[in-house]
C-alpha atoms as a PDB file:
ATOM      1  CA  MET A   1      40.145 145.251  37.423  1.00  0.00           C
ATOM      2  CA  ARG A   2      42.947 144.374  39.428  1.00  0.00           C
ATOM      3  CA  LEU A   3      43.336 144.167  42.438  1.00  0.00           C
ATOM      4  CA  ASN A   4      46.064 146.552  42.477  1.00  0.00           C
ATOM      5  CA  GLU A   5      43.754 148.776  40.148  1.00  0.00           C
ATOM      6  CA  ILE A   6      40.741 148.716  42.781  1.00  0.00           C
ATOM      7  CA  SER A   7      39.567 152.506  44.372  1.00  0.00           C
ATOM      8  CA  ASP A   8      37.831 153.999  46.248  1.00  0.00           C
ATOM      9  CA  ASN A   9      35.707 156.932  45.124  1.00  0.00           C
ATOM     10  CA  LEU A  10      36.807 160.051  44.499  1.00  0.00           C
ATOM     11  CA  GLY A  11      36.480 162.879  47.167  1.00  0.00           C
ATOM     12  CA  ALA A  12      34.841 159.668  48.858  1.00  0.00           C
ATOM     13  CA  THR A  13      38.487 159.956  51.921  1.00  0.00           C
ATOM     14  CA  ARG A  14      39.604 162.561  53.065  1.00  0.00           C
ATOM     15  CA  PRO A  15      43.707 163.156  54.609  1.00  0.00           C
ATOM     16  CA  ARG A  16      44.152 163.501  58.266  1.00  0.00           C
ATOM     17  CA  LYS A  17      44.642 166.679  58.971  1.00  0.00           C
ATOM     18  CA  ARG A  18      48.620 166.697  60.728  1.00  0.00           C
ATOM     19  CA  VAL A  19      48.505 168.949  63.676  1.00  0.00           C
ATOM     20  CA  GLY A  20      51.583 170.538  65.163  1.00  0.00           C
ATOM     21  CA  ARG A  21      53.679 170.488  61.527  1.00  0.00           C
ATOM     22  CA  GLY A  22      55.164 174.353  61.422  1.00  0.00           C
ATOM     23  CA  ILE A  23      53.639 177.269  59.914  1.00  0.00           C
ATOM     24  CA  ALA A  24      53.093 176.834  56.758  1.00  0.00           C
ATOM     25  CA  SER A  25      50.427 174.157  57.514  1.00  0.00           C
ATOM     26  CA  GLY A  26      48.238 176.503  58.815  1.00  0.00           C
ATOM     27  CA  THR A  27      47.847 174.249  61.490  1.00  0.00           C
ATOM     28  CA  GLY A  28      51.113 174.715  62.883  1.00  0.00           C
ATOM     29  CA  LYS A  29      52.205 176.098  66.370  1.00  0.00           C
ATOM     30  CA  THR A  30      49.353 175.162  68.573  1.00  0.00           C
ATOM     31  CA  SER A  31      47.340 173.384  66.547  1.00  0.00           C
ATOM     32  CA  GLY A  32      44.362 174.804  65.712  1.00  0.00           C
ATOM     33  CA  LYS A  33      43.647 175.066  69.330  1.00  0.00           C
ATOM     34  CA  GLY A  34      44.153 179.540  69.980  1.00  0.00           C
ATOM     35  CA  MET A  35      46.387 180.879  72.813  1.00  0.00           C
ATOM     36  CA  LYS A  36      46.118 179.155  75.986  1.00  0.00           C
ATOM     37  CA  GLY A  37      43.413 179.031  77.518  1.00  0.00           C
ATOM     38  CA  GLN A  38      42.044 176.139  80.174  1.00  0.00           C
ATOM     39  CA  LYS A  39      40.580 175.044  76.215  1.00  0.00           C
ATOM     40  CA  ALA A  40      43.918 174.496  74.612  1.00  0.00           C
ATOM     41  CA  ARG A  41      44.865 171.958  77.264  1.00  0.00           C
ATOM     42  CA  SER A  42      44.055 168.073  77.462  1.00  0.00           C
ATOM     43  CA  GLY A  43      41.937 166.665  79.267  1.00  0.00           C
ATOM     44  CA  VAL A  44      39.300 169.050  79.811  1.00  0.00           C
ATOM     45  CA  SER A  45      35.234 168.532  79.672  1.00  0.00           C
ATOM     46  CA  LEU A  46      32.847 171.912  79.587  1.00  0.00           C
ATOM     47  CA  LEU A  47      30.229 169.669  79.140  1.00  0.00           C
ATOM     48  CA  GLY A  48      26.949 171.496  80.087  1.00  0.00           C
ATOM     49  CA  PHE A  49      28.635 174.738  81.261  1.00  0.00           C
ATOM     50  CA  GLU A  50      27.129 178.047  79.913  1.00  0.00           C
ATOM     51  CA  GLY A  51      30.104 180.404  80.685  1.00  0.00           C
ATOM     52  CA  GLY A  52      27.887 180.918  84.402  1.00  0.00           C
ATOM     53  CA  GLN A  53      24.796 181.428  83.410  1.00  0.00           C
ATOM     54  CA  MET A  54      22.580 178.785  84.196  1.00  0.00           C
ATOM     55  CA  PRO A  55      22.299 175.588  82.779  1.00  0.00           C
ATOM     56  CA  ILE A  56      19.955 174.388  80.843  1.00  0.00           C
ATOM     57  CA  TYR A  57      19.793 171.222  82.268  1.00  0.00           C
ATOM     58  CA  ARG A  58      19.102 173.102  85.843  1.00  0.00           C
ATOM     59  CA  ARG A  59      17.123 174.867  84.174  1.00  0.00           C
ATOM     60  CA  LEU A  60      14.155 172.664  83.822  1.00  0.00           C
ATOM     61  CA  PRO A  61      12.243 170.262  86.110  1.00  0.00           C
ATOM     62  CA  LYS A  62      12.749 167.200  86.594  1.00  0.00           C
ATOM     63  CA  ARG A  63      10.193 165.303  85.013  1.00  0.00           C
ATOM     64  CA  GLY A  64       8.845 161.427  86.286  1.00  0.00           C
ATOM     65  CA  PHE A  65      10.582 159.048  87.669  1.00  0.00           C
ATOM     66  CA  LYS A  66      11.746 155.231  86.948  1.00  0.00           C
ATOM     67  CA  ASN A  67       9.505 152.644  87.782  1.00  0.00           C
ATOM     68  CA  PRO A  68      11.973 149.704  90.385  1.00  0.00           C
ATOM     69  CA  PHE A  69       9.421 147.074  89.676  1.00  0.00           C
ATOM     70  CA  SER A  70       8.786 147.355  86.005  1.00  0.00           C
ATOM     71  CA  LYS A  71       8.282 144.295  84.450  1.00  0.00           C
ATOM     72  CA  ASP A  72      11.036 143.486  81.007  1.00  0.00           C
ATOM     73  CA  PHE A  73       8.293 141.197  78.927  1.00  0.00           C
ATOM     74  CA  ALA A  74       9.237 140.326  75.022  1.00  0.00           C
ATOM     75  CA  GLU A  75       6.087 141.740  73.244  1.00  0.00           C
ATOM     76  CA  LEU A  76       4.404 138.874  70.608  1.00  0.00           C
ATOM     77  CA  ASN A  77       2.005 139.690  68.654  1.00  0.00           C
ATOM     78  CA  VAL A  78      -1.179 137.128  68.031  1.00  0.00           C
ATOM     79  CA  GLY A  79       0.179 137.779  64.435  1.00  0.00           C
ATOM     80  CA  LEU A  80       3.116 136.446  64.035  1.00  0.00           C
ATOM     81  CA  LEU A  81       2.899 133.772  65.976  1.00  0.00           C
ATOM     82  CA  GLN A  82       0.580 132.727  63.185  1.00  0.00           C
ATOM     83  CA  GLU A  83       2.813 133.564  60.613  1.00  0.00           C
ATOM     84  CA  ALA A  84       5.417 131.575  62.812  1.00  0.00           C
ATOM     85  CA  ILE A  85       3.145 128.142  62.426  1.00  0.00           C
ATOM     86  CA  ASP A  86       1.712 129.145  59.100  1.00  0.00           C
ATOM     87  CA  ALA A  87       6.001 128.839  58.411  1.00  0.00           C
ATOM     88  CA  LYS A  88       6.668 125.860  60.041  1.00  0.00           C
ATOM     89  CA  ARG A  89       9.605 127.009  62.365  1.00  0.00           C
ATOM     90  CA  ILE A  90       6.678 125.742  65.730  1.00  0.00           C
ATOM     91  CA  ASP A  91       4.774 122.944  66.116  1.00  0.00           C
ATOM     92  CA  GLY A  92       0.832 124.424  66.542  1.00  0.00           C
ATOM     93  CA  SER A  93       0.453 121.481  68.272  1.00  0.00           C
ATOM     94  CA  LYS A  94       3.140 121.328  70.841  1.00  0.00           C
ATOM     95  CA  THR A  95       1.987 123.113  74.184  1.00  0.00           C
ATOM     96  CA  LEU A  96       4.517 126.469  73.301  1.00  0.00           C
ATOM     97  CA  THR A  97       5.874 127.134  76.313  1.00  0.00           C
ATOM     98  CA  THR A  98       8.359 131.038  76.611  1.00  0.00           C
ATOM     99  CA  ALA A  99      11.434 128.974  75.773  1.00  0.00           C
ATOM    100  CA  MET A 100      10.506 126.893  72.918  1.00  0.00           C
ATOM    101  CA  LEU A 101       9.239 131.155  71.400  1.00  0.00           C
ATOM    102  CA  VAL A 102      12.666 131.824  72.371  1.00  0.00           C
ATOM    103  CA  GLU A 103      14.218 128.914  70.743  1.00  0.00           C
ATOM    104  CA  ALA A 104      12.688 129.041  67.106  1.00  0.00           C
ATOM    105  CA  GLY A 105      12.913 133.308  67.442  1.00  0.00           C
ATOM    106  CA  VAL A 106       9.735 134.493  67.362  1.00  0.00           C
ATOM    107  CA  ALA A 107      10.124 136.446  70.569  1.00  0.00           C
ATOM    108  CA  LYS A 108      12.677 137.580  72.120  1.00  0.00           C
ATOM    109  CA  LYS A 109      15.029 136.046  75.106  1.00  0.00           C
ATOM    110  CA  ARG A 110      13.762 139.287  77.988  1.00  0.00           C
ATOM    111  CA  LYS A 111      14.277 139.255  81.888  1.00  0.00           C
ATOM    112  CA  ASP A 112      10.455 138.517  82.575  1.00  0.00           C
ATOM    113  CA  GLY A 113       9.362 136.600  80.439  1.00  0.00           C
ATOM    114  CA  VAL A 114       6.930 136.877  76.654  1.00  0.00           C
ATOM    115  CA  ARG A 115       3.345 139.166  76.733  1.00  0.00           C
ATOM    116  CA  LEU A 116       1.155 137.796  74.140  1.00  0.00           C
ATOM    117  CA  LEU A 117       0.179 141.235  72.668  1.00  0.00           C
ATOM    118  CA  GLY A 118      -3.818 140.960  70.653  1.00  0.00           C
ATOM    119  CA  HIS A 119      -2.598 142.259  67.110  1.00  0.00           C
ATOM    120  CA  GLY A 120      -3.632 140.462  63.747  1.00  0.00           C
ATOM    121  CA  GLU A 121      -5.692 136.868  63.512  1.00  0.00           C
ATOM    122  CA  LEU A 122      -4.543 133.669  64.470  1.00  0.00           C
ATOM    123  CA  LYS A 123      -6.781 130.517  62.984  1.00  0.00           C
ATOM    124  CA  THR A 124      -4.215 127.561  64.235  1.00  0.00           C
ATOM    125  CA  LYS A 125      -5.696 126.100  67.853  1.00  0.00           C
ATOM    126  CA  VAL A 126      -2.296 126.141  70.276  1.00  0.00           C
ATOM    127  CA  THR A 127      -1.872 125.858  74.116  1.00  0.00           C
ATOM    128  CA  LEU A 128      -0.071 128.325  75.249  1.00  0.00           C
ATOM    129  CA  GLU A 129       1.727 128.930  78.164  1.00  0.00           C
ATOM    130  CA  ILE A 130       3.477 131.956  78.766  1.00  0.00           C
ATOM    131  CA  GLU A 131       4.406 134.973  81.995  1.00  0.00           C
ATOM    132  CA  SER A 132       1.813 137.817  80.096  1.00  0.00           C
ATOM    133  CA  ALA A 133      -1.825 138.202  77.985  1.00  0.00           C
ATOM    134  CA  THR A 134      -3.712 140.987  77.153  1.00  0.00           C
ATOM    135  CA  LYS A 135      -7.408 141.023  77.441  1.00  0.00           C
ATOM    136  CA  GLY A 136      -7.566 140.871  73.835  1.00  0.00           C
ATOM    137  CA  ALA A 137      -4.676 138.034  72.810  1.00  0.00           C
ATOM    138  CA  ILE A 138      -7.359 135.274  75.529  1.00  0.00           C
ATOM    139  CA  ALA A 139      -9.931 136.293  73.578  1.00  0.00           C
ATOM    140  CA  ALA A 140      -8.223 135.901  70.801  1.00  0.00           C
ATOM    141  CA  VAL A 141      -6.441 132.387  70.845  1.00  0.00           C
ATOM    142  CA  GLU A 142      -9.735 131.236  73.112  1.00  0.00           C
ATOM    143  CA  LYS A 143     -11.638 132.338  69.937  1.00  0.00           C
ATOM    144  CA  ALA A 144      -8.918 130.048  67.895  1.00  0.00           C
ATOM    145  CA  GLY A 145     -10.105 127.425  70.236  1.00  0.00           C
ATOM    146  CA  GLY A 146      -7.173 127.583  72.768  1.00  0.00           C
ATOM    147  CA  THR A 147      -6.085 128.322  75.792  1.00  0.00           C
ATOM    148  CA  VAL A 148      -3.583 130.561  77.236  1.00  0.00           C
ATOM    149  CA  ALA A 149      -1.483 129.736  80.868  1.00  0.00           C
ATOM    150  CA  VAL A 150      -0.879 132.757  82.959  1.00  0.00           C
ATOM    151  CA  SER A 151       1.816 131.820  84.951  1.00  0.00           C
ATOM    152  CA  ALA A 152       4.056 135.058  87.005  1.00  0.00           C
ATOM    153  CA  PRO A 153       7.789 135.575  85.650  1.00  0.00           C
ATOM    154  CA  THR A 154      10.157 133.174  87.572  1.00  0.00           C
ATOM    155  CA  VAL A 155      13.039 134.736  89.128  1.00  0.00           C
ATOM    156  CA  ALA A 156      15.717 131.445  90.049  1.00  0.00           C
ATOM    157  CA  LYS A 157      16.874 133.168  94.152  1.00  0.00           C
ATOM    158  CA  ASP A 158      19.651 131.666  95.523  1.00  0.00           C
ATOM    159  CA  GLU A 159      20.703 130.646  99.220  1.00  0.00           C
ATOM    160  CA  ALA A 160      23.821 133.224  98.414  1.00  0.00           C
ATOM    161  CA  SER A 161      21.717 136.223  97.606  1.00  0.00           C
ATOM    162  CA  GLU A 162      19.658 135.960 100.843  1.00  0.00           C
ATOM    163  CA  THR A 163      21.223 135.941 103.111  1.00  0.00           C
ATOM    164  CA  LYS A 164      24.086 138.366 101.460  1.00  0.00           C
ATOM    165  CA  GLY A 165      23.791 141.574 103.697  1.00  0.00           C
ATOM    166  CA  ILE A 166      23.073 139.643 107.120  1.00  0.00           C
ATOM    167  CA  ARG A 167      26.895 138.659 108.769  1.00  0.00           C
ATOM    168  CA  GLY A 168      28.277 137.674 112.008  1.00  0.00           C
ATOM    169  CA  LYS A 169      25.581 135.611 114.385  1.00  0.00           C
ATOM    170  CA  ASN A 170      22.509 136.636 112.416  1.00  0.00           C
ATOM    171  CA  LYS A 171      24.289 135.630 109.214  1.00  0.00           C
ATOM    172  CA  ARG A 172      23.960 131.933 111.161  1.00  0.00           C
ATOM    173  CA  ARG A 173      19.620 132.617 112.565  1.00  0.00           C
ATOM    174  CA  ALA A 174      18.924 133.092 108.728  1.00  0.00           C
ATOM    175  CA  GLN A 175      21.637 130.248 106.930  1.00  0.00           C
ATOM    176  CA  GLU A 176      19.401 127.879 110.406  1.00  0.00           C
ATOM    177  CA  LYS A 177      15.746 129.328 109.562  1.00  0.00           C
ATOM    178  CA  ALA A 178      16.239 128.370 105.929  1.00  0.00           C
ATOM    179  CA  ALA A 179      17.405 124.868 106.720  1.00  0.00           C
ATOM    180  CA  ALA A 180      14.560 124.099 109.389  1.00  0.00           C
ATOM    181  CA  GLY A 181      11.869 125.322 106.617  1.00  0.00           C
ATOM    182  CA  GLU A 182      13.271 123.523 104.141  1.00  0.00           C
ATOM    183  CA  SER A 183      12.770 120.437 106.387  1.00  0.00           C
ATOM    184  CA  ALA A 184       8.911 121.307 107.510  1.00  0.00           C
ATOM    185  CA  GLU A 185       8.418 121.480 103.705  1.00  0.00           C
END
């Protein structure tokens, strides 16, 4: 077999539809778009338009809401943690933090950290410092002789974001207040 002998399976590719190339082609003149009208023009978007009938997205009621305070955790099951320890991807004798779990590829990087779930079995004694854990997961870790330290998700705040929407003398006052607060500590 040579490079010039390699070809795709018969019928795997279809030829490009060449429109506007004469009457005999079948898609000449109006290029298969019919005669005049809005749909014959370019840049038309009639998505969701049902000819004047009340469209489906307006017939159905609005439902639910998006919680602005919801947390985005990377979920990690106890069984998966045990597999990673058995495979020597992480050292169970050290205190395991979110950064270590993400670096080892055991947990995905998420905005609010890692949440430990109780599915599976843990045999190794481990010490975990993570952002969240279920009661079942904490019980499974403690049953194996380990501990779980749950800390609140840390969000790095910079000074610019604290005074972002403040202008003029109010901004100056906010900066002075922040400086006074730092000197008091």
